Amino acid sequence: MGKDGALAVELDRHYRDWDARGRPAVDDYQVSFLPIGTECDAPPGGWQIERRFYRELVTLSPGQSRP
């Protein structure tokens, strides 16, 4: 499988994950930001995204669930 095929598989995986969560909308997410030098773990049930100058912490609002 080439690079495009692998990307399609990854995109499909993200779509299925989003669908399994009940198709949350933008308003269903809570987002916060920390300076890049601040050590922290991903929020419980959420994601931590490393950006160039900060860390983005994302969780689903209450009522939305992660499988």
C-alpha atoms as a PDB file:
ATOM      1  CA  MET A   1       0.000   0.000   0.000  1.00  0.00           C
ATOM      2  CA  GLY A   2       1.407   3.369  -0.985  1.00  0.00           C
ATOM      3  CA  LYS A   3       1.406   6.629   0.932  1.00  0.00           C
ATOM      4  CA  ASP A   4      -2.021   7.626  -0.442  1.00  0.00           C
ATOM      5  CA  GLY A   5      -3.509   4.268   0.524  1.00  0.00           C
ATOM      6  CA  ALA A   6      -2.136   4.515   4.058  1.00  0.00           C
ATOM      7  CA  LEU A   7      -3.551   8.017   4.378  1.00  0.00           C
ATOM      8  CA  ALA A   8      -6.966   6.782   3.202  1.00  0.00           C
ATOM      9  CA  VAL A   9      -6.882   3.993   5.815  1.00  0.00           C
ATOM     10  CA  GLU A  10      -5.971   6.481   8.562  1.00  0.00           C
ATOM     11  CA  LEU A  11      -8.706   8.897   7.482  1.00  0.00           C
ATOM     12  CA  ASP A  12     -11.260   6.061   7.459  1.00  0.00           C
ATOM     13  CA  ARG A  13     -10.163   5.059  10.975  1.00  0.00           C
ATOM     14  CA  HIS A  14     -10.690   8.639  12.204  1.00  0.00           C
ATOM     15  CA  TYR A  15     -14.103   8.781  10.519  1.00  0.00           C
ATOM     16  CA  ARG A  16     -15.213   5.502  12.139  1.00  0.00           C
ATOM     17  CA  ASP A  17     -13.983   6.703  15.551  1.00  0.00           C
ATOM     18  CA  TRP A  18     -15.911   9.994  15.145  1.00  0.00           C
ATOM     19  CA  ASP A  19     -19.018   8.095  14.021  1.00  0.00           C
ATOM     20  CA  ALA A  20     -18.775   5.694  17.003  1.00  0.00           C
ATOM     21  CA  ARG A  21     -18.746   8.701  19.350  1.00  0.00           C
ATOM     22  CA  GLY A  22     -22.107   9.829  18.027  1.00  0.00           C
ATOM     23  CA  ARG A  23     -20.721  12.281  15.452  1.00  0.00           C
ATOM     24  CA  PRO A  24     -19.851  15.076  17.903  1.00  0.00           C
ATOM     25  CA  ALA A  25     -20.044  18.617  16.518  1.00  0.00           C
ATOM     26  CA  VAL A  26     -17.512  21.390  17.093  1.00  0.00           C
ATOM     27  CA  ASP A  27     -19.558  22.662  20.054  1.00  0.00           C
ATOM     28  CA  ASP A  28     -19.187  19.263  21.768  1.00  0.00           C
ATOM     29  CA  TYR A  29     -15.442  19.743  22.340  1.00  0.00           C
ATOM     30  CA  GLN A  30     -13.698  21.638  25.125  1.00  0.00           C
ATOM     31  CA  VAL A  31     -10.292  23.043  24.193  1.00  0.00           C
ATOM     32  CA  SER A  32      -7.610  24.595  26.384  1.00  0.00           C
ATOM     33  CA  PHE A  33      -4.020  25.659  25.753  1.00  0.00           C
ATOM     34  CA  LEU A  34      -0.804  25.544  27.777  1.00  0.00           C
ATOM     35  CA  PRO A  35       2.639  27.001  27.067  1.00  0.00           C
ATOM     36  CA  ILE A  36       4.960  24.461  25.441  1.00  0.00           C
ATOM     37  CA  GLY A  37       7.285  24.409  28.494  1.00  0.00           C
ATOM     38  CA  THR A  38       4.486  23.268  30.808  1.00  0.00           C
ATOM     39  CA  GLU A  39       4.610  19.545  31.546  1.00  0.00           C
ATOM     40  CA  CYS A  40       1.230  17.824  31.554  1.00  0.00           C
ATOM     41  CA  ASP A  41      -0.550  14.641  30.580  1.00  0.00           C
ATOM     42  CA  ALA A  42      -3.455  14.383  28.198  1.00  0.00           C
ATOM     43  CA  PRO A  43      -6.731  15.107  29.972  1.00  0.00           C
ATOM     44  CA  PRO A  44      -8.649  11.989  31.074  1.00  0.00           C
ATOM     45  CA  GLY A  45     -10.495  10.719  28.001  1.00  0.00           C
ATOM     46  CA  GLY A  46      -8.977  13.447  25.852  1.00  0.00           C
ATOM     47  CA  TRP A  47      -6.103  14.316  23.588  1.00  0.00           C
ATOM     48  CA  GLN A  48      -2.959  16.389  23.874  1.00  0.00           C
ATOM     49  CA  ILE A  49      -1.751  17.902  20.626  1.00  0.00           C
ATOM     50  CA  GLU A  50       1.807  19.225  20.485  1.00  0.00           C
ATOM     51  CA  ARG A  51       1.915  22.517  18.598  1.00  0.00           C
ATOM     52  CA  ARG A  52       4.981  24.620  17.846  1.00  0.00           C
ATOM     53  CA  PHE A  53       4.540  27.128  20.687  1.00  0.00           C
ATOM     54  CA  TYR A  54       1.871  25.539  22.899  1.00  0.00           C
ATOM     55  CA  ARG A  55       0.068  22.338  23.866  1.00  0.00           C
ATOM     56  CA  GLU A  56      -3.574  21.984  22.900  1.00  0.00           C
ATOM     57  CA  LEU A  57      -5.713  19.891  25.265  1.00  0.00           C
ATOM     58  CA  VAL A  58      -8.991  18.599  23.839  1.00  0.00           C
ATOM     59  CA  THR A  59     -11.826  16.727  25.541  1.00  0.00           C
ATOM     60  CA  LEU A  60     -15.398  15.936  24.646  1.00  0.00           C
ATOM     61  CA  SER A  61     -17.974  17.825  26.689  1.00  0.00           C
ATOM     62  CA  PRO A  62     -20.005  15.859  29.228  1.00  0.00           C
ATOM     63  CA  GLY A  63     -22.629  13.831  27.429  1.00  0.00           C
ATOM     64  CA  GLN A  64     -20.215  12.795  24.670  1.00  0.00           C
ATOM     65  CA  SER A  65     -18.151   9.663  25.121  1.00  0.00           C
ATOM     66  CA  ARG A  66     -15.019   8.052  23.825  1.00  0.00           C
ATOM     67  CA  PRO A  67     -15.331   4.402  22.947  1.00  0.00           C
END
